[in-house]
Amino acid sequence: MKRILYTLITTKQRGVIPTLFRVLLMPLSWLYGSIVWIRNYCFTSGIFKQKQLPCSVISVGNIVVGGTGKTPAVAAIAKLLENKGFQVAILLRGYKRRSSEEIMVVSDDKNRLCSREECGDEADMLTRQLPNVPIVVGKQRYLTGEAAIDRFKSDVLILDDGFQHRQLARDVDILTIDATQPYGTGALLPIGTLREPITAIERADIILLTRTDAIDTQIADLKAELNQLAPNKPILESKHQPTSLYWLNCPDKHATIPIKNLTGKRLLAVCGIGNPDAFVATLEAYNPEAVELFAFPDHHAYTESDLQQIEHQMQQYEAEWVVTTQKDEQKLASLSTELPIVVLAIELVIKDGEEDLMKALQIQ
């Protein structure tokens, strides 16, 4: 049932049942949209006050539920600023984490301090990708920001998924937009995948388009649309670049498989991410014989039963490898399996170059 509901919300399926489902949820969508409008008005007009931290704050977020590349964007920006000599820390809410601690330091600049279950998927993935960047989770970003400044002397804080967290003032609001699905399904939650109306794009200081290599011929039209919605805002392009391929249960993650080995193979793509179709498109760029998608809801916690289903799908489609994402890696690795599962590591690469991003960030 969960998978059926997820599919109905995140796709534009037609038919009697999907249409009835959306009609029944329409009043909730109107109510949700009204609440969002009132909340945004209160912040914009100053009725709701923002708290200010004594350092630079960069927010990275989106207006579509999941899958726009905001967390890879956070990693790319953090690496860039770290290389420029800034003391960077990343603040996350810690979605679906098991720990109830108000403030949890996931990692300092040397060691990991808690498990994936305690901190959540995004924090876990960022910790593995950025071993030298402190990562702190907690619902109240102002409090986690204070903790990061006090403990790590941070001079730049990056908010992961911060576009809607308006309680904390920020110097730069970066909005990530997936070029292949810029407005999601085009409808507000719970009918569709929009967290805010499309007009909220105007609030962004920088628009970062992701997966632009997938729509090269249409990128100019998309930029023109966005210029209408957010005049005179910098629009940067980026792509998701595969960096390595490795076996799920191999203890040495440096023992990689050439990515070109995907060519000619029958693959089963297994993932629990916001935009599974984009993952399939990335795999198809390497010309496998076939790619079959077996998608789970975003942030899915895998079980032994899921592994049995995956094995059944492998046999049904005669797949040679199961390919999964770094976001799913640790959740699958926690289960005992002999299935041939490989992990495709991906990083976000900004096409316009680091200097253009630094200029847009206006951080000296």
Protein backbone atom coordinates (compact mmCIF):
# COMPACT_ATOMS: atom_id res chain seq x y z
CA MET A 1 0.00 0.00 0.00
CA LYS A 2 2.81 2.41 0.87
CA ARG A 3 4.44 1.84 -2.53
CA ILE A 4 1.10 2.35 -4.34
CA LEU A 5 0.46 5.68 -2.56
CA TYR A 6 4.03 6.79 -3.23
CA THR A 7 3.63 6.01 -6.94
CA LEU A 8 0.33 7.89 -7.17
CA ILE A 9 1.81 11.01 -5.57
CA THR A 10 5.14 11.07 -7.39
CA THR A 11 3.91 10.27 -10.91
CA LYS A 12 1.27 11.62 -13.28
CA GLN A 13 -0.56 8.32 -13.74
CA ARG A 14 -3.94 8.52 -15.44
CA GLY A 15 -7.01 6.37 -14.97
CA VAL A 16 -10.02 6.08 -12.70
CA ILE A 17 -8.19 5.20 -9.47
CA PRO A 18 -5.40 7.84 -9.73
CA THR A 19 -7.97 10.51 -10.68
CA LEU A 20 -10.29 9.57 -7.79
CA PHE A 21 -7.32 9.55 -5.42
CA ARG A 22 -6.34 13.09 -6.44
CA VAL A 23 -9.91 14.41 -6.27
CA LEU A 24 -10.29 13.10 -2.71
CA LEU A 25 -7.02 14.72 -1.67
CA MET A 26 -7.67 18.06 -3.39
CA PRO A 27 -9.15 19.77 -0.28
CA LEU A 28 -6.06 18.78 1.69
CA SER A 29 -3.85 20.22 -1.04
CA TRP A 30 -5.77 23.52 -0.94
CA LEU A 31 -5.47 23.60 2.85
CA TYR A 32 -1.76 22.84 2.68
CA GLY A 33 -1.22 25.58 0.07
CA SER A 34 -3.08 28.11 2.23
CA ILE A 35 -0.97 27.29 5.27
CA VAL A 36 2.24 27.61 3.23
CA TRP A 37 1.12 30.98 1.83
CA ILE A 38 0.23 32.37 5.27
CA ARG A 39 3.51 31.14 6.77
CA ASN A 40 5.60 32.65 3.97
CA TYR A 41 3.69 35.94 4.21
CA CYS A 42 4.38 36.12 7.94
CA PHE A 43 8.13 35.69 7.40
CA THR A 44 8.30 38.05 4.41
CA SER A 45 6.33 40.79 6.18
CA GLY A 46 8.30 40.45 9.42
CA ILE A 47 5.44 39.14 11.56
CA PHE A 48 7.55 36.04 12.18
CA LYS A 49 11.11 36.97 13.16
CA GLN A 50 14.25 35.23 11.95
CA LYS A 51 17.21 34.45 14.19
CA GLN A 52 20.67 35.54 13.07
CA LEU A 53 23.93 33.64 13.62
CA PRO A 54 27.32 35.42 13.77
CA CYS A 55 28.73 33.79 10.63
CA SER A 56 27.89 33.23 6.97
CA VAL A 57 24.89 30.95 6.44
CA ILE A 58 24.19 29.25 3.10
CA SER A 59 20.92 27.41 2.62
CA VAL A 60 20.57 24.67 0.00
CA GLY A 61 17.07 23.39 -0.65
CA ASN A 62 14.29 22.75 -3.13
CA ILE A 63 10.56 23.19 -3.66
CA VAL A 64 9.98 19.59 -4.76
CA VAL A 65 9.89 16.57 -2.46
CA GLY A 66 13.17 14.66 -2.80
CA GLY A 67 15.40 13.93 -5.74
CA THR A 68 16.62 17.35 -6.92
CA GLY A 69 20.24 16.82 -5.93
CA LYS A 70 20.33 19.14 -2.94
CA THR A 71 22.47 16.86 -0.76
CA PRO A 72 25.08 16.28 -3.52
CA ALA A 73 25.02 20.06 -3.99
CA VAL A 74 25.70 20.54 -0.27
CA ALA A 75 28.67 18.17 -0.56
CA ALA A 76 30.05 19.99 -3.62
CA ILE A 77 29.73 23.43 -2.00
CA ALA A 78 31.25 22.21 1.26
CA LYS A 79 34.25 20.73 -0.58
CA LEU A 80 34.75 23.96 -2.51
CA LEU A 81 34.63 26.15 0.59
CA GLU A 82 36.82 23.76 2.57
CA ASN A 83 39.44 23.89 -0.19
CA LYS A 84 39.27 27.69 -0.08
CA GLY A 85 40.24 27.60 3.60
CA PHE A 86 36.86 28.21 5.25
CA GLN A 87 35.84 26.48 8.47
CA VAL A 88 32.69 24.79 7.21
CA ALA A 89 30.02 22.87 9.10
CA ILE A 90 26.82 21.31 7.75
CA LEU A 91 23.50 21.47 9.58
CA LEU A 92 20.72 18.94 8.91
CA ARG A 93 17.41 18.12 10.48
CA GLY A 94 18.23 14.40 10.46
CA TYR A 95 15.08 13.15 8.74
CA LYS A 96 13.92 9.73 10.01
CA ARG A 97 16.76 9.47 12.52
CA ARG A 98 16.14 7.31 15.57
CA SER A 99 17.94 9.47 18.12
CA SER A 100 15.81 12.03 19.96
CA GLU A 101 18.77 14.18 21.03
CA GLU A 102 18.04 17.87 20.43
CA ILE A 103 21.55 18.43 19.05
CA MET A 104 23.71 15.58 17.76
CA VAL A 105 27.23 15.95 16.41
CA VAL A 106 27.41 13.25 13.75
CA SER A 107 31.07 13.83 12.98
CA ASP A 108 33.76 16.30 13.91
CA ASP A 109 36.65 17.07 11.57
CA LYS A 110 38.32 13.76 12.47
CA ASN A 111 35.91 11.06 13.62
CA ARG A 112 32.42 9.73 13.09
CA LEU A 113 30.49 9.87 16.34
CA CYS A 114 27.19 8.06 15.71
CA SER A 115 25.51 5.45 13.52
CA ARG A 116 23.39 5.89 10.40
CA GLU A 117 20.25 4.91 12.31
CA GLU A 118 20.91 7.63 14.88
CA CYS A 119 21.59 10.45 12.41
CA GLY A 120 19.54 9.73 9.25
CA ASP A 121 20.33 8.97 5.60
CA GLU A 122 21.60 12.35 4.38
CA ALA A 123 23.82 12.94 7.40
CA ASP A 124 25.25 9.44 7.01
CA MET A 125 26.03 9.96 3.32
CA LEU A 126 27.62 13.39 3.88
CA THR A 127 29.73 12.02 6.73
CA ARG A 128 31.19 9.38 4.42
CA GLN A 129 31.81 11.87 1.61
CA LEU A 130 33.19 14.70 3.78
CA PRO A 131 35.36 13.18 6.52
CA ASN A 132 36.92 16.55 7.42
CA VAL A 133 33.71 18.58 7.65
CA PRO A 134 31.74 18.67 10.93
CA ILE A 135 28.11 17.60 10.57
CA VAL A 136 25.45 18.43 13.16
CA VAL A 137 21.79 17.37 13.17
CA GLY A 138 18.79 18.76 15.02
CA LYS A 139 15.35 20.23 14.33
CA GLN A 140 16.31 23.71 15.50
CA ARG A 141 18.95 24.89 13.03
CA TYR A 142 19.71 27.98 15.12
CA LEU A 143 20.69 25.80 18.08
CA THR A 144 22.71 23.39 15.93
CA GLY A 145 24.39 26.40 14.33
CA GLU A 146 25.34 27.80 17.72
CA ALA A 147 26.77 24.40 18.67
CA ALA A 148 28.84 24.23 15.47
CA ILE A 149 30.22 27.74 15.97
CA ASP A 150 31.05 27.07 19.61
CA ARG A 151 32.67 23.66 19.09
CA PHE A 152 34.28 24.00 15.65
CA LYS A 153 34.72 27.78 15.27
CA SER A 154 32.81 27.54 11.99
CA ASP A 155 32.75 30.65 9.82
CA VAL A 156 30.41 29.17 7.17
CA LEU A 157 27.35 27.05 7.93
CA ILE A 158 25.52 25.15 5.20
CA LEU A 159 21.89 24.20 5.77
CA ASP A 160 20.89 21.00 4.02
CA ASP A 161 17.23 21.24 2.97
CA GLY A 162 16.94 24.76 4.36
CA PHE A 163 14.72 26.55 1.84
CA GLN A 164 11.56 26.08 3.93
CA HIS A 165 13.35 26.50 7.29
CA ARG A 166 12.87 30.26 7.40
CA GLN A 167 13.28 30.64 11.17
CA LEU A 168 17.04 30.98 10.62
CA ALA A 169 18.29 33.95 8.61
CA ARG A 170 20.66 33.14 5.78
CA ASP A 171 23.05 35.12 3.61
CA VAL A 172 22.43 33.03 0.50
CA ASP A 173 19.46 30.88 -0.50
CA ILE A 174 20.43 28.29 -3.13
CA LEU A 175 17.51 26.53 -4.78
CA THR A 176 18.29 23.25 -6.53
CA ILE A 177 16.04 22.38 -9.45
CA ASP A 178 16.21 19.08 -11.31
CA ALA A 179 16.31 20.11 -14.97
CA THR A 180 14.55 16.88 -15.99
CA GLN A 181 11.59 17.52 -13.64
CA PRO A 182 11.83 21.20 -12.70
CA TYR A 183 8.41 21.48 -11.06
CA GLY A 184 7.88 17.87 -10.01
CA THR A 185 4.34 16.79 -10.82
CA GLY A 186 3.18 20.42 -10.85
CA ALA A 187 0.79 20.02 -7.91
CA LEU A 188 1.16 20.75 -4.21
CA LEU A 189 1.33 18.07 -1.53
CA PRO A 190 -0.39 15.72 -0.91
CA ILE A 191 -1.70 15.46 -4.49
CA GLY A 192 1.72 16.10 -6.01
CA THR A 193 5.34 16.66 -5.09
CA LEU A 194 5.54 20.46 -4.73
CA ARG A 195 6.38 21.64 -1.22
CA GLU A 196 5.62 25.25 -2.19
CA PRO A 197 4.00 26.98 -5.16
CA ILE A 198 6.28 27.57 -8.14
CA THR A 199 6.23 31.30 -7.36
CA ALA A 200 8.46 30.57 -4.33
CA ILE A 201 11.38 30.29 -6.77
CA GLU A 202 11.56 34.09 -6.63
CA ARG A 203 12.85 33.81 -3.05
CA ALA A 204 16.07 32.13 -4.19
CA ASP A 205 19.34 34.06 -4.46
CA ILE A 206 20.94 31.43 -6.70
CA ILE A 207 19.25 28.77 -8.83
CA LEU A 208 21.34 25.63 -9.29
CA LEU A 209 20.07 23.42 -12.09
CA THR A 210 21.00 19.77 -11.68
CA ARG A 211 21.18 16.98 -14.28
CA THR A 212 21.36 19.56 -17.08
CA ASP A 213 23.32 17.14 -19.28
CA ALA A 214 20.09 15.11 -19.64
CA ILE A 215 18.23 17.96 -21.40
CA ASP A 216 20.93 19.83 -23.33
CA THR A 217 18.57 20.93 -26.10
CA GLN A 218 15.92 22.28 -23.72
CA ILE A 219 18.10 24.06 -21.17
CA ALA A 220 17.73 27.49 -22.80
CA ASP A 221 13.92 27.27 -22.61
CA LEU A 222 14.06 26.26 -18.95
CA LYS A 223 16.39 29.14 -18.12
CA ALA A 224 14.04 31.55 -19.87
CA GLU A 225 11.13 30.25 -17.75
CA LEU A 226 13.14 30.64 -14.56
CA ASN A 227 14.21 34.16 -15.52
CA GLN A 228 10.52 35.03 -15.68
CA LEU A 229 9.89 33.53 -12.24
CA ALA A 230 13.06 34.92 -10.62
CA PRO A 231 14.40 37.88 -12.63
CA ASN A 232 18.11 38.72 -12.43
CA LYS A 233 19.02 35.70 -10.29
CA PRO A 234 22.18 33.72 -11.18
CA ILE A 235 21.34 30.38 -12.79
CA LEU A 236 24.15 27.81 -12.61
CA GLU A 237 24.24 24.44 -14.35
CA SER A 238 25.47 21.16 -12.92
CA LYS A 239 25.45 17.46 -13.67
CA HIS A 240 25.60 14.24 -11.67
CA GLN A 241 28.96 12.69 -12.50
CA PRO A 242 29.58 9.00 -11.65
CA THR A 243 32.94 8.71 -9.88
CA SER A 244 33.29 5.05 -8.92
CA LEU A 245 31.65 1.63 -8.84
CA TYR A 246 32.30 -0.92 -6.10
CA TRP A 247 30.89 -4.08 -4.55
CA LEU A 248 28.46 -3.50 -1.70
CA ASN A 249 30.11 -5.87 0.77
CA CYS A 250 33.72 -5.20 -0.18
CA PRO A 251 35.51 -3.78 2.91
CA ASP A 252 37.92 -1.82 0.69
CA LYS A 253 35.87 0.89 -1.01
CA HIS A 254 38.98 1.90 -2.95
CA ALA A 255 38.88 -1.46 -4.77
CA THR A 256 36.69 -0.10 -7.51
CA ILE A 257 35.27 -1.65 -10.66
CA PRO A 258 35.71 0.27 -13.94
CA ILE A 259 32.42 2.05 -14.59
CA LYS A 260 32.68 1.02 -18.24
CA ASN A 261 31.97 -2.54 -17.04
CA LEU A 262 28.29 -1.55 -16.90
CA THR A 263 28.30 -1.61 -20.70
CA GLY A 264 26.54 -4.64 -22.15
CA LYS A 265 25.25 -5.96 -18.81
CA ARG A 266 21.68 -6.62 -17.75
CA LEU A 267 21.14 -4.46 -14.66
CA LEU A 268 18.52 -4.25 -11.94
CA ALA A 269 18.49 -0.71 -10.51
CA VAL A 270 17.40 -0.82 -6.87
CA CYS A 271 16.95 2.42 -4.94
CA GLY A 272 14.90 4.30 -2.38
CA ILE A 273 15.50 7.87 -3.56
CA GLY A 274 13.41 10.84 -4.61
CA ASN A 275 13.99 10.55 -8.37
CA PRO A 276 14.66 6.92 -9.34
CA ASP A 277 14.19 7.62 -13.06
CA ALA A 278 17.24 9.89 -12.99
CA PHE A 279 19.29 7.03 -11.53
CA VAL A 280 18.17 4.80 -14.40
CA ALA A 281 19.10 7.51 -16.91
CA THR A 282 22.59 7.69 -15.42
CA LEU A 283 23.03 3.93 -15.82
CA GLU A 284 21.66 3.96 -19.37
CA ALA A 285 24.34 6.45 -20.38
CA TYR A 286 26.84 3.56 -20.10
CA ASN A 287 24.95 1.46 -22.67
CA PRO A 288 24.01 -1.62 -20.65
CA GLU A 289 22.06 -4.32 -22.45
CA ALA A 290 19.04 -3.47 -20.30
CA VAL A 291 18.12 -1.65 -17.08
CA GLU A 292 15.09 -2.66 -15.05
CA LEU A 293 14.02 -0.34 -12.21
CA PHE A 294 12.88 -1.71 -8.86
CA ALA A 295 12.15 1.43 -6.85
CA PHE A 296 11.24 1.80 -3.18
CA PRO A 297 9.91 4.94 -1.46
CA ASP A 298 12.45 7.62 -0.56
CA HIS A 299 14.39 6.83 2.66
CA HIS A 300 13.18 3.22 2.58
CA ALA A 301 14.57 0.92 5.28
CA TYR A 302 15.30 -2.41 3.61
CA THR A 303 14.28 -5.75 5.13
CA GLU A 304 15.05 -9.41 4.48
CA SER A 305 11.73 -9.60 2.66
CA ASP A 306 12.89 -6.82 0.34
CA LEU A 307 16.04 -8.79 -0.46
CA GLN A 308 13.89 -11.77 -1.40
CA GLN A 309 11.88 -9.54 -3.74
CA ILE A 310 15.08 -8.14 -5.24
CA GLU A 311 16.39 -11.65 -5.83
CA HIS A 312 13.09 -12.59 -7.49
CA GLN A 313 13.31 -9.52 -9.74
CA MET A 314 16.89 -10.44 -10.67
CA GLN A 315 15.82 -13.91 -11.72
CA GLN A 316 12.75 -12.64 -13.58
CA TYR A 317 14.73 -10.12 -15.64
CA GLU A 318 17.88 -12.26 -15.84
CA ALA A 319 19.91 -9.40 -14.40
CA GLU A 320 23.64 -9.90 -13.90
CA TRP A 321 24.11 -7.13 -11.33
CA VAL A 322 22.01 -5.17 -8.90
CA VAL A 323 23.10 -1.52 -8.94
CA THR A 324 22.21 0.78 -6.05
CA THR A 325 23.04 4.27 -4.77
CA GLN A 326 25.25 5.56 -1.97
CA LYS A 327 22.12 6.65 -0.14
CA ASP A 328 20.90 3.03 -0.09
CA GLU A 329 24.32 1.48 0.45
CA GLN A 330 24.47 1.26 4.23
CA LYS A 331 20.87 0.10 4.61
CA LEU A 332 21.44 -2.78 2.21
CA ALA A 333 24.88 -3.56 3.66
CA SER A 334 23.32 -4.04 7.11
CA LEU A 335 21.54 -7.12 5.76
CA SER A 336 23.21 -10.42 4.99
CA THR A 337 23.12 -11.15 1.27
CA GLU A 338 25.07 -12.97 -1.40
CA LEU A 339 23.44 -11.00 -4.21
CA PRO A 340 25.83 -9.33 -6.68
CA ILE A 341 25.13 -5.74 -5.60
CA VAL A 342 27.33 -2.87 -6.77
CA VAL A 343 27.20 0.75 -5.60
CA LEU A 344 27.47 3.63 -8.06
CA ALA A 345 29.06 6.68 -6.43
CA ILE A 346 28.03 10.02 -7.90
CA GLU A 347 29.12 13.60 -7.27
CA LEU A 348 27.63 16.87 -8.40
CA VAL A 349 29.84 18.84 -10.79
CA ILE A 350 29.06 22.49 -11.45
CA LYS A 351 29.50 23.11 -15.17
CA ASP A 352 29.97 26.84 -14.86
CA GLY A 353 33.04 26.37 -12.68
CA GLU A 354 34.04 27.04 -9.10
CA GLU A 355 34.81 30.71 -9.60
CA ASP A 356 31.32 31.44 -10.90
CA LEU A 357 29.85 29.75 -7.83
CA MET A 358 32.14 31.66 -5.46
CA LYS A 359 31.17 34.89 -7.20
CA ALA A 360 27.48 34.04 -6.86
CA LEU A 361 27.96 33.15 -3.18
CA GLN A 362 29.71 36.50 -2.60
CA ILE A 363 31.99 34.95 0.00
CA GLN A 364 35.49 36.36 0.06
